[in-house]
Amino acid sequence: MAPHPDEAGGATGARRGVVTASRPAAGAPDRGRSTSGAIRAGLLCLVVLVLAGAVGLATRQPWLFPSLGPTVMLFFTAPRQPSSRPLNTLVGHLVAIAVGYGCLLVFGLSSAAPAPTGGLTVPYVAAGALSVAVTTVVLQLVRLPHPPAGASTLIVSLGILSAPVQLLDMVGAVLLVTAAGWALQRLVPARS
């Protein structure tokens, strides 16, 4: 039986008994990422999230929320992935926020205490699960996947951020983070 091409050394090197480094498949993460590349990614994530946090502090609104973390990580650790594109990011989070709010309304939870403080109830489980499912279907149908949007829709459907002003703040934060991430990718390009 021939070795699997993904094994260390690749199929050709393994047959000859020689261990050689194989190239990652197109779109696969680079396992040999340099220390400087990792530091660059971390620093750029820091800059973008501090910017969003500063706006939040200045406005006393939630401009920094959990789903922005994986979004900026995608920008700087996997910039060539389709889910890292600005359009995917914007559409992903906007769909997620709208679907999350819709599920919150459908299950009569708009005036209920948020799930983390009021307790996880059957309606919250239904709203949360349905919001992720619908967000996934919509983003797949429009061919604009952005996995961190799954967290955004849960944040809204579980009532964590659900007041209209908070939803607008989420949209503003997504716009800011996307613009800043896109600009920094061009200003501070990764070394090849």
N, C-alpha and C. Protein backbone atom coordinates (compact mmCIF):
# COMPACT_ATOMS: atom_id res chain seq x y z
N MET A 1 0.85 -1.18 0.00
CA MET A 1 0.00 0.00 0.00
C MET A 1 0.89 1.23 0.00
N ALA A 2 0.63 2.16 -0.88
CA ALA A 2 1.43 3.38 -1.00
C ALA A 2 1.12 4.32 0.16
N PRO A 3 2.13 5.02 0.66
CA PRO A 3 1.87 5.97 1.74
C PRO A 3 0.99 7.12 1.24
N HIS A 4 0.25 7.68 2.15
CA HIS A 4 -0.62 8.81 1.83
C HIS A 4 0.25 10.02 1.53
N PRO A 5 -0.06 10.78 0.46
CA PRO A 5 0.77 11.93 0.10
C PRO A 5 0.88 12.99 1.18
N ASP A 6 -0.06 13.03 2.13
CA ASP A 6 0.00 14.05 3.17
C ASP A 6 0.97 13.69 4.29
N GLU A 7 1.47 12.46 4.32
CA GLU A 7 2.38 12.06 5.38
C GLU A 7 3.71 12.78 5.21
N ALA A 8 4.45 12.93 6.31
CA ALA A 8 5.75 13.60 6.26
C ALA A 8 6.61 12.96 5.20
N GLY A 9 7.21 13.78 4.39
CA GLY A 9 8.08 13.27 3.33
C GLY A 9 7.36 13.10 2.02
N GLY A 10 6.05 13.10 2.02
CA GLY A 10 5.29 12.93 0.78
C GLY A 10 5.46 11.52 0.25
N ALA A 11 4.66 11.15 -0.71
CA ALA A 11 4.68 9.79 -1.24
C ALA A 11 6.00 9.46 -1.92
N THR A 12 6.56 10.40 -2.65
CA THR A 12 7.79 10.11 -3.39
C THR A 12 8.96 9.87 -2.45
N GLY A 13 9.14 10.76 -1.48
CA GLY A 13 10.26 10.61 -0.55
C GLY A 13 10.12 9.38 0.31
N ALA A 14 8.90 9.04 0.73
CA ALA A 14 8.69 7.88 1.59
C ALA A 14 9.01 6.59 0.85
N ARG A 15 8.72 6.52 -0.44
CA ARG A 15 9.00 5.30 -1.19
C ARG A 15 10.50 5.06 -1.28
N ARG A 16 11.26 6.09 -1.36
CA ARG A 16 12.71 5.94 -1.45
C ARG A 16 13.36 5.84 -0.07
N GLY A 17 12.54 5.97 0.98
CA GLY A 17 13.10 5.90 2.32
C GLY A 17 13.77 7.21 2.74
N VAL A 18 13.52 8.27 2.02
CA VAL A 18 14.11 9.57 2.32
C VAL A 18 13.02 10.46 2.90
N VAL A 19 13.33 11.08 4.00
CA VAL A 19 12.37 12.00 4.59
C VAL A 19 12.64 13.38 4.00
N THR A 20 11.65 13.90 3.31
CA THR A 20 11.76 15.24 2.74
C THR A 20 10.58 16.06 3.20
N ALA A 21 10.75 17.35 3.22
CA ALA A 21 9.65 18.23 3.60
C ALA A 21 8.69 18.34 2.43
N SER A 22 7.43 18.17 2.70
CA SER A 22 6.44 18.34 1.64
C SER A 22 5.80 19.71 1.78
N ARG A 23 5.37 20.24 0.67
CA ARG A 23 4.70 21.54 0.68
C ARG A 23 3.27 21.35 1.15
N PRO A 24 2.77 22.31 1.93
CA PRO A 24 1.36 22.20 2.31
C PRO A 24 0.48 22.38 1.08
N ALA A 25 -0.67 21.76 1.12
CA ALA A 25 -1.62 21.90 0.02
C ALA A 25 -2.07 23.36 -0.07
N ALA A 26 -2.51 23.75 -1.25
CA ALA A 26 -2.98 25.12 -1.43
C ALA A 26 -4.07 25.43 -0.41
N GLY A 27 -3.92 26.53 0.30
CA GLY A 27 -4.89 26.93 1.29
C GLY A 27 -4.68 26.31 2.66
N ALA A 28 -3.78 25.32 2.77
CA ALA A 28 -3.52 24.69 4.06
C ALA A 28 -2.64 25.61 4.90
N PRO A 29 -2.78 25.55 6.22
CA PRO A 29 -1.93 26.40 7.06
C PRO A 29 -0.47 26.00 6.92
N ASP A 30 0.41 26.98 6.97
CA ASP A 30 1.84 26.74 6.87
C ASP A 30 2.34 26.34 8.25
N ARG A 31 2.67 25.04 8.44
CA ARG A 31 3.08 24.55 9.75
C ARG A 31 4.45 25.08 10.16
N GLY A 32 5.23 25.54 9.21
CA GLY A 32 6.55 26.05 9.53
C GLY A 32 6.58 27.56 9.60
N ARG A 33 5.48 28.15 9.97
CA ARG A 33 5.37 29.61 10.03
C ARG A 33 6.48 30.17 10.90
N SER A 34 7.08 31.23 10.42
CA SER A 34 8.21 31.81 11.12
C SER A 34 7.78 32.52 12.39
N THR A 35 8.75 32.66 13.27
CA THR A 35 8.50 33.39 14.51
C THR A 35 8.13 34.83 14.21
N SER A 36 8.83 35.44 13.26
CA SER A 36 8.51 36.84 12.94
C SER A 36 7.11 36.96 12.35
N GLY A 37 6.69 35.98 11.57
CA GLY A 37 5.33 36.00 11.02
C GLY A 37 4.28 35.86 12.11
N ALA A 38 4.57 35.02 13.09
CA ALA A 38 3.64 34.83 14.20
C ALA A 38 3.54 36.10 15.05
N ILE A 39 4.70 36.71 15.29
CA ILE A 39 4.71 37.96 16.08
C ILE A 39 3.99 39.06 15.32
N ARG A 40 4.23 39.15 14.01
CA ARG A 40 3.54 40.14 13.18
C ARG A 40 2.03 39.97 13.30
N ALA A 41 1.56 38.72 13.15
CA ALA A 41 0.12 38.45 13.22
C ALA A 41 -0.44 38.85 14.59
N GLY A 42 0.27 38.49 15.64
CA GLY A 42 -0.18 38.83 16.98
C GLY A 42 -0.24 40.33 17.22
N LEU A 43 0.78 41.03 16.76
CA LEU A 43 0.81 42.49 16.95
C LEU A 43 -0.30 43.18 16.15
N LEU A 44 -0.54 42.71 14.94
CA LEU A 44 -1.60 43.32 14.14
C LEU A 44 -2.98 43.04 14.74
N CYS A 45 -3.17 41.84 15.29
CA CYS A 45 -4.42 41.55 16.01
C CYS A 45 -4.58 42.51 17.19
N LEU A 46 -3.48 42.71 17.91
CA LEU A 46 -3.49 43.61 19.05
C LEU A 46 -3.90 45.02 18.64
N VAL A 47 -3.29 45.53 17.57
CA VAL A 47 -3.58 46.89 17.11
C VAL A 47 -5.07 47.04 16.75
N VAL A 48 -5.58 46.10 15.98
CA VAL A 48 -6.98 46.21 15.52
C VAL A 48 -7.95 46.11 16.69
N LEU A 49 -7.71 45.20 17.62
CA LEU A 49 -8.64 45.04 18.73
C LEU A 49 -8.53 46.17 19.74
N VAL A 50 -7.32 46.72 19.92
CA VAL A 50 -7.18 47.90 20.78
C VAL A 50 -7.94 49.08 20.17
N LEU A 51 -7.88 49.21 18.85
CA LEU A 51 -8.62 50.27 18.17
C LEU A 51 -10.12 50.13 18.43
N ALA A 52 -10.65 48.92 18.25
CA ALA A 52 -12.08 48.69 18.52
C ALA A 52 -12.40 48.94 19.99
N GLY A 53 -11.53 48.49 20.87
CA GLY A 53 -11.73 48.71 22.30
C GLY A 53 -11.70 50.18 22.67
N ALA A 54 -10.82 50.95 22.03
CA ALA A 54 -10.73 52.39 22.30
C ALA A 54 -12.02 53.10 21.91
N VAL A 55 -12.58 52.71 20.77
CA VAL A 55 -13.87 53.29 20.36
C VAL A 55 -14.94 52.92 21.39
N GLY A 56 -14.92 51.68 21.84
CA GLY A 56 -15.87 51.24 22.85
C GLY A 56 -15.74 52.02 24.15
N LEU A 57 -14.50 52.27 24.57
CA LEU A 57 -14.28 53.05 25.79
C LEU A 57 -14.77 54.49 25.61
N ALA A 58 -14.48 55.06 24.46
CA ALA A 58 -14.87 56.45 24.19
C ALA A 58 -16.39 56.61 24.11
N THR A 59 -17.06 55.62 23.56
CA THR A 59 -18.52 55.72 23.38
C THR A 59 -19.30 55.02 24.49
N ARG A 60 -18.58 54.30 25.34
CA ARG A 60 -19.21 53.50 26.41
C ARG A 60 -20.21 52.49 25.83
N GLN A 61 -19.80 51.91 24.69
CA GLN A 61 -20.63 50.92 24.01
C GLN A 61 -19.78 49.68 23.70
N PRO A 62 -20.43 48.55 23.46
CA PRO A 62 -19.70 47.29 23.24
C PRO A 62 -19.09 47.16 21.84
N TRP A 63 -18.00 47.86 21.59
CA TRP A 63 -17.32 47.76 20.29
C TRP A 63 -16.28 46.64 20.29
N LEU A 64 -16.14 45.95 21.38
CA LEU A 64 -15.22 44.81 21.46
C LEU A 64 -16.03 43.64 22.00
N PHE A 65 -16.20 42.62 21.17
CA PHE A 65 -16.99 41.45 21.57
C PHE A 65 -16.32 40.20 21.01
N PRO A 66 -16.64 39.02 21.57
CA PRO A 66 -15.87 37.80 21.30
C PRO A 66 -15.66 37.42 19.84
N SER A 67 -16.62 37.58 18.97
CA SER A 67 -16.44 37.10 17.60
C SER A 67 -15.46 37.94 16.79
N LEU A 68 -15.06 39.10 17.30
CA LEU A 68 -14.04 39.89 16.60
C LEU A 68 -12.66 39.25 16.73
N GLY A 69 -12.43 38.51 17.81
CA GLY A 69 -11.14 37.84 18.00
C GLY A 69 -10.80 36.88 16.87
N PRO A 70 -11.65 35.88 16.59
CA PRO A 70 -11.32 34.98 15.49
C PRO A 70 -11.35 35.67 14.13
N THR A 71 -12.13 36.73 14.01
CA THR A 71 -12.14 37.47 12.74
C THR A 71 -10.77 38.06 12.46
N VAL A 72 -10.19 38.77 13.44
CA VAL A 72 -8.88 39.38 13.18
C VAL A 72 -7.79 38.32 13.10
N MET A 73 -7.94 37.22 13.81
CA MET A 73 -6.95 36.14 13.67
C MET A 73 -6.94 35.62 12.24
N LEU A 74 -8.12 35.46 11.64
CA LEU A 74 -8.18 35.03 10.24
C LEU A 74 -7.49 36.04 9.32
N PHE A 75 -7.73 37.32 9.56
CA PHE A 75 -7.11 38.36 8.72
C PHE A 75 -5.59 38.19 8.64
N PHE A 76 -4.97 37.93 9.79
CA PHE A 76 -3.51 37.98 9.85
C PHE A 76 -2.82 36.63 9.88
N THR A 77 -3.56 35.55 10.12
CA THR A 77 -2.93 34.23 10.09
C THR A 77 -3.29 33.43 8.85
N ALA A 78 -4.38 33.78 8.20
CA ALA A 78 -4.80 33.06 7.00
C ALA A 78 -5.39 34.04 5.98
N PRO A 79 -4.61 35.06 5.60
CA PRO A 79 -5.16 36.12 4.75
C PRO A 79 -5.61 35.67 3.37
N ARG A 80 -5.13 34.53 2.91
CA ARG A 80 -5.51 34.05 1.58
C ARG A 80 -6.77 33.17 1.59
N GLN A 81 -7.25 32.85 2.76
CA GLN A 81 -8.47 32.05 2.86
C GLN A 81 -9.68 32.89 2.46
N PRO A 82 -10.61 32.30 1.73
CA PRO A 82 -11.82 33.06 1.36
C PRO A 82 -12.54 33.67 2.57
N SER A 83 -12.57 32.96 3.68
CA SER A 83 -13.28 33.48 4.85
C SER A 83 -12.61 34.70 5.46
N SER A 84 -11.38 35.02 5.02
CA SER A 84 -10.67 36.20 5.52
C SER A 84 -10.94 37.44 4.68
N ARG A 85 -11.61 37.29 3.57
CA ARG A 85 -11.86 38.43 2.68
C ARG A 85 -12.80 39.43 3.36
N PRO A 86 -12.60 40.72 3.07
CA PRO A 86 -13.50 41.74 3.66
C PRO A 86 -14.98 41.50 3.36
N LEU A 87 -15.31 41.11 2.14
CA LEU A 87 -16.72 40.89 1.80
C LEU A 87 -17.30 39.75 2.63
N ASN A 88 -16.55 38.66 2.76
CA ASN A 88 -17.01 37.54 3.59
C ASN A 88 -17.24 37.99 5.03
N THR A 89 -16.30 38.79 5.53
CA THR A 89 -16.39 39.26 6.91
C THR A 89 -17.62 40.13 7.11
N LEU A 90 -17.79 41.11 6.25
CA LEU A 90 -18.92 42.03 6.39
C LEU A 90 -20.26 41.32 6.23
N VAL A 91 -20.41 40.57 5.16
CA VAL A 91 -21.67 39.86 4.93
C VAL A 91 -21.90 38.84 6.04
N GLY A 92 -20.86 38.12 6.43
CA GLY A 92 -21.00 37.11 7.47
C GLY A 92 -21.55 37.67 8.77
N HIS A 93 -20.93 38.74 9.26
CA HIS A 93 -21.38 39.31 10.53
C HIS A 93 -22.74 40.01 10.40
N LEU A 94 -22.99 40.68 9.27
CA LEU A 94 -24.28 41.35 9.10
C LEU A 94 -25.42 40.33 9.05
N VAL A 95 -25.23 39.26 8.31
CA VAL A 95 -26.24 38.19 8.28
C VAL A 95 -26.41 37.61 9.68
N ALA A 96 -25.31 37.36 10.36
CA ALA A 96 -25.36 36.77 11.70
C ALA A 96 -26.14 37.64 12.68
N ILE A 97 -25.87 38.93 12.65
CA ILE A 97 -26.57 39.85 13.57
C ILE A 97 -28.06 39.87 13.26
N ALA A 98 -28.41 39.96 11.99
CA ALA A 98 -29.83 39.99 11.60
C ALA A 98 -30.54 38.68 11.96
N VAL A 99 -29.91 37.56 11.65
CA VAL A 99 -30.52 36.26 11.95
C VAL A 99 -30.63 36.06 13.46
N GLY A 100 -29.59 36.42 14.20
CA GLY A 100 -29.63 36.29 15.65
C GLY A 100 -30.76 37.09 16.26
N TYR A 101 -30.94 38.32 15.77
CA TYR A 101 -32.02 39.16 16.29
C TYR A 101 -33.38 38.59 15.89
N GLY A 102 -33.48 38.11 14.67
CA GLY A 102 -34.74 37.48 14.23
C GLY A 102 -35.12 36.30 15.11
N CYS A 103 -34.14 35.47 15.43
CA CYS A 103 -34.42 34.30 16.30
C CYS A 103 -34.79 34.74 17.71
N LEU A 104 -34.15 35.79 18.20
CA LEU A 104 -34.49 36.33 19.51
C LEU A 104 -35.96 36.76 19.54
N LEU A 105 -36.40 37.42 18.47
CA LEU A 105 -37.80 37.88 18.38
C LEU A 105 -38.76 36.71 18.22
N VAL A 106 -38.43 35.78 17.33
CA VAL A 106 -39.32 34.63 17.06
C VAL A 106 -39.59 33.83 18.32
N PHE A 107 -38.59 33.70 19.18
CA PHE A 107 -38.76 32.91 20.39
C PHE A 107 -39.18 33.76 21.59
N GLY A 108 -39.55 35.02 21.35
CA GLY A 108 -40.08 35.88 22.41
C GLY A 108 -39.08 36.23 23.49
N LEU A 109 -37.82 36.39 23.12
CA LEU A 109 -36.77 36.62 24.11
C LEU A 109 -36.24 38.05 24.14
N SER A 110 -36.85 38.95 23.39
CA SER A 110 -36.29 40.30 23.29
C SER A 110 -36.28 41.06 24.61
N SER A 111 -37.18 40.73 25.52
CA SER A 111 -37.18 41.42 26.82
C SER A 111 -36.73 40.50 27.96
N ALA A 112 -36.31 39.29 27.64
CA ALA A 112 -35.85 38.35 28.67
C ALA A 112 -34.42 38.69 29.09
N ALA A 113 -34.07 38.29 30.30
CA ALA A 113 -32.69 38.46 30.75
C ALA A 113 -31.79 37.62 29.84
N PRO A 114 -30.58 38.08 29.54
CA PRO A 114 -29.67 37.31 28.69
C PRO A 114 -29.42 35.91 29.26
N ALA A 115 -29.21 34.96 28.40
CA ALA A 115 -29.00 33.57 28.83
C ALA A 115 -27.90 33.43 29.88
N PRO A 116 -26.75 34.12 29.75
CA PRO A 116 -25.71 33.93 30.77
C PRO A 116 -26.12 34.39 32.17
N THR A 117 -27.01 35.38 32.28
CA THR A 117 -27.41 35.86 33.61
C THR A 117 -28.78 35.34 34.04
N GLY A 118 -29.69 35.18 33.09
CA GLY A 118 -31.05 34.73 33.42
C GLY A 118 -31.22 33.22 33.38
N GLY A 119 -30.21 32.54 32.87
CA GLY A 119 -30.28 31.09 32.78
C GLY A 119 -30.61 30.63 31.37
N LEU A 120 -29.99 29.54 30.99
CA LEU A 120 -30.23 28.95 29.68
C LEU A 120 -31.56 28.20 29.72
N THR A 121 -32.47 28.61 28.88
CA THR A 121 -33.80 28.01 28.82
C THR A 121 -33.99 27.32 27.47
N VAL A 122 -35.06 26.55 27.36
CA VAL A 122 -35.35 25.87 26.09
C VAL A 122 -35.48 26.89 24.95
N PRO A 123 -36.20 28.01 25.14
CA PRO A 123 -36.26 28.99 24.05
C PRO A 123 -34.89 29.54 23.65
N TYR A 124 -34.00 29.75 24.62
CA TYR A 124 -32.66 30.23 24.27
C TYR A 124 -31.87 29.17 23.51
N VAL A 125 -32.00 27.92 23.91
CA VAL A 125 -31.32 26.84 23.18
C VAL A 125 -31.83 26.81 21.74
N ALA A 126 -33.14 26.89 21.58
CA ALA A 126 -33.73 26.87 20.24
C ALA A 126 -33.28 28.08 19.42
N ALA A 127 -33.32 29.26 20.02
CA ALA A 127 -32.91 30.48 19.31
C ALA A 127 -31.44 30.42 18.92
N GLY A 128 -30.60 29.97 19.84
CA GLY A 128 -29.17 29.89 19.56
C GLY A 128 -28.85 28.88 18.47
N ALA A 129 -29.39 27.70 18.60
CA ALA A 129 -29.11 26.65 17.61
C ALA A 129 -29.65 27.03 16.23
N LEU A 130 -30.87 27.55 16.20
CA LEU A 130 -31.46 27.94 14.92
C LEU A 130 -30.69 29.09 14.28
N SER A 131 -30.24 30.04 15.09
CA SER A 131 -29.51 31.19 14.52
C SER A 131 -28.22 30.75 13.85
N VAL A 132 -27.50 29.82 14.46
CA VAL A 132 -26.26 29.34 13.84
C VAL A 132 -26.58 28.54 12.58
N ALA A 133 -27.61 27.71 12.64
CA ALA A 133 -27.98 26.91 11.47
C ALA A 133 -28.39 27.79 10.30
N VAL A 134 -29.24 28.77 10.54
CA VAL A 134 -29.71 29.65 9.46
C VAL A 134 -28.55 30.50 8.93
N THR A 135 -27.72 31.02 9.81
CA THR A 135 -26.56 31.81 9.37
C THR A 135 -25.66 30.96 8.48
N THR A 136 -25.43 29.73 8.88
CA THR A 136 -24.60 28.82 8.08
C THR A 136 -25.20 28.60 6.70
N VAL A 137 -26.49 28.31 6.65
CA VAL A 137 -27.15 28.06 5.37
C VAL A 137 -27.05 29.29 4.47
N VAL A 138 -27.37 30.46 5.00
CA VAL A 138 -27.34 31.68 4.19
C VAL A 138 -25.93 31.94 3.65
N LEU A 139 -24.93 31.87 4.52
CA LEU A 139 -23.56 32.17 4.08
C LEU A 139 -23.05 31.15 3.08
N GLN A 140 -23.47 29.90 3.21
CA GLN A 140 -23.08 28.89 2.23
C GLN A 140 -23.79 29.13 0.90
N LEU A 141 -25.06 29.50 0.95
CA LEU A 141 -25.81 29.74 -0.29
C LEU A 141 -25.26 30.93 -1.07
N VAL A 142 -24.82 31.96 -0.36
CA VAL A 142 -24.26 33.13 -1.06
C VAL A 142 -22.76 32.98 -1.29
N ARG A 143 -22.22 31.85 -0.87
CA ARG A 143 -20.80 31.51 -1.04
C ARG A 143 -19.86 32.55 -0.43
N LEU A 144 -20.22 32.98 0.78
CA LEU A 144 -19.39 33.94 1.51
C LEU A 144 -19.21 33.47 2.95
N PRO A 145 -18.58 32.30 3.16
CA PRO A 145 -18.44 31.79 4.52
C PRO A 145 -17.51 32.66 5.38
N HIS A 146 -17.87 32.77 6.64
CA HIS A 146 -17.03 33.46 7.62
C HIS A 146 -17.37 32.83 8.98
N PRO A 147 -16.67 31.75 9.37
CA PRO A 147 -17.02 31.03 10.60
C PRO A 147 -17.18 31.87 11.86
N PRO A 148 -16.39 32.93 12.09
CA PRO A 148 -16.62 33.72 13.30
C PRO A 148 -18.03 34.32 13.40
N ALA A 149 -18.73 34.40 12.28
CA ALA A 149 -20.11 34.91 12.31
C ALA A 149 -21.01 34.00 13.15
N GLY A 150 -20.65 32.73 13.28
CA GLY A 150 -21.41 31.83 14.14
C GLY A 150 -21.41 32.30 15.58
N ALA A 151 -20.32 32.91 16.01
CA ALA A 151 -20.27 33.47 17.37
C ALA A 151 -21.12 34.74 17.46
N SER A 152 -21.08 35.56 16.42
CA SER A 152 -21.88 36.79 16.44
C SER A 152 -23.37 36.49 16.56
N THR A 153 -23.84 35.51 15.81
CA THR A 153 -25.27 35.20 15.86
C THR A 153 -25.66 34.65 17.22
N LEU A 154 -24.77 33.90 17.86
CA LEU A 154 -25.05 33.41 19.22
C LEU A 154 -25.05 34.56 20.23
N ILE A 155 -24.14 35.50 20.08
CA ILE A 155 -24.09 36.65 20.98
C ILE A 155 -25.44 37.37 20.98
N VAL A 156 -26.02 37.50 19.81
CA VAL A 156 -27.31 38.19 19.69
C VAL A 156 -28.47 37.29 20.11
N SER A 157 -28.53 36.07 19.60
CA SER A 157 -29.68 35.20 19.88
C SER A 157 -29.74 34.75 21.34
N LEU A 158 -28.63 34.80 22.05
CA LEU A 158 -28.64 34.47 23.48
C LEU A 158 -28.88 35.71 24.34
N GLY A 159 -29.10 36.86 23.69
CA GLY A 159 -29.44 38.08 24.41
C GLY A 159 -28.28 38.81 25.03
N ILE A 160 -27.05 38.41 24.72
CA ILE A 160 -25.88 39.04 25.32
C ILE A 160 -25.76 40.49 24.84
N LEU A 161 -25.87 40.70 23.56
CA LEU A 161 -25.98 42.04 22.97
C LEU A 161 -27.22 41.98 22.09
N SER A 162 -28.27 42.68 22.47
CA SER A 162 -29.51 42.55 21.71
C SER A 162 -30.31 43.83 21.58
N ALA A 163 -29.96 44.87 22.33
CA ALA A 163 -30.66 46.15 22.18
C ALA A 163 -30.30 46.74 20.82
N PRO A 164 -31.22 47.42 20.17
CA PRO A 164 -30.92 47.98 18.85
C PRO A 164 -29.63 48.80 18.80
N VAL A 165 -29.37 49.61 19.81
CA VAL A 165 -28.13 50.40 19.80
C VAL A 165 -26.90 49.49 19.87
N GLN A 166 -27.00 48.39 20.61
CA GLN A 166 -25.89 47.44 20.68
C GLN A 166 -25.67 46.75 19.34
N LEU A 167 -26.74 46.45 18.63
CA LEU A 167 -26.60 45.83 17.31
C LEU A 167 -25.93 46.79 16.34
N LEU A 168 -26.28 48.07 16.42
CA LEU A 168 -25.62 49.07 15.58
C LEU A 168 -24.15 49.19 15.95
N ASP A 169 -23.84 49.10 17.24
CA ASP A 169 -22.44 49.12 17.67
C ASP A 169 -21.69 47.92 17.12
N MET A 170 -22.34 46.75 17.12
CA MET A 170 -21.70 45.56 16.55
C MET A 170 -21.38 45.77 15.08
N VAL A 171 -22.34 46.34 14.35
CA VAL A 171 -22.11 46.62 12.92
C VAL A 171 -20.96 47.60 12.76
N GLY A 172 -20.95 48.66 13.55
CA GLY A 172 -19.86 49.64 13.48
C GLY A 172 -18.52 49.01 13.78
N ALA A 173 -18.47 48.15 14.79
CA ALA A 173 -17.22 47.49 15.15
C ALA A 173 -16.74 46.57 14.04
N VAL A 174 -17.66 45.85 13.41
CA VAL A 174 -17.28 44.96 12.30
C VAL A 174 -16.73 45.78 11.14
N LEU A 175 -17.38 46.90 10.83
CA LEU A 175 -16.88 47.78 9.76
C LEU A 175 -15.49 48.30 10.09
N LEU A 176 -15.30 48.76 11.32
CA LEU A 176 -14.00 49.30 11.74
C LEU A 176 -12.91 48.23 11.68
N VAL A 177 -13.18 47.08 12.26
CA VAL A 177 -12.19 46.00 12.32
C VAL A 177 -11.85 45.51 10.91
N THR A 178 -12.84 45.42 10.06
CA THR A 178 -12.59 44.97 8.68
C THR A 178 -11.74 45.98 7.93
N ALA A 179 -12.09 47.25 8.04
CA ALA A 179 -11.31 48.30 7.36
C ALA A 179 -9.88 48.36 7.89
N ALA A 180 -9.73 48.31 9.21
CA ALA A 180 -8.40 48.36 9.81
C ALA A 180 -7.58 47.13 9.44
N GLY A 181 -8.20 45.96 9.48
CA GLY A 181 -7.50 44.73 9.12
C GLY A 181 -7.05 44.74 7.67
N TRP A 182 -7.93 45.17 6.79
CA TRP A 182 -7.62 45.24 5.36
C TRP A 182 -6.47 46.22 5.12
N ALA A 183 -6.53 47.38 5.77
CA ALA A 183 -5.48 48.39 5.59
C ALA A 183 -4.14 47.89 6.13
N LEU A 184 -4.15 47.27 7.29
CA LEU A 184 -2.89 46.79 7.88
C LEU A 184 -2.29 45.65 7.07
N GLN A 185 -3.11 44.82 6.45
CA GLN A 185 -2.56 43.76 5.59
C GLN A 185 -1.76 44.37 4.45
N ARG A 186 -2.17 45.52 3.97
CA ARG A 186 -1.46 46.18 2.87
C ARG A 186 -0.28 47.03 3.35
N LEU A 187 -0.44 47.66 4.51
CA LEU A 187 0.64 48.50 5.04
C LEU A 187 1.79 47.68 5.62
N VAL A 188 1.46 46.54 6.21
CA VAL A 188 2.47 45.68 6.85
C VAL A 188 2.33 44.28 6.24
N PRO A 189 2.75 44.11 4.99
CA PRO A 189 2.57 42.81 4.33
C PRO A 189 3.41 41.71 4.98
N ALA A 190 2.89 40.51 4.92
CA ALA A 190 3.64 39.35 5.42
C ALA A 190 4.81 39.07 4.49
N ARG A 191 5.90 38.62 5.06
CA ARG A 191 7.06 38.25 4.24
C ARG A 191 6.82 36.89 3.64
N SER A 192 7.25 36.74 2.40
CA SER A 192 7.07 35.45 1.72
C SER A 192 8.20 34.51 2.04
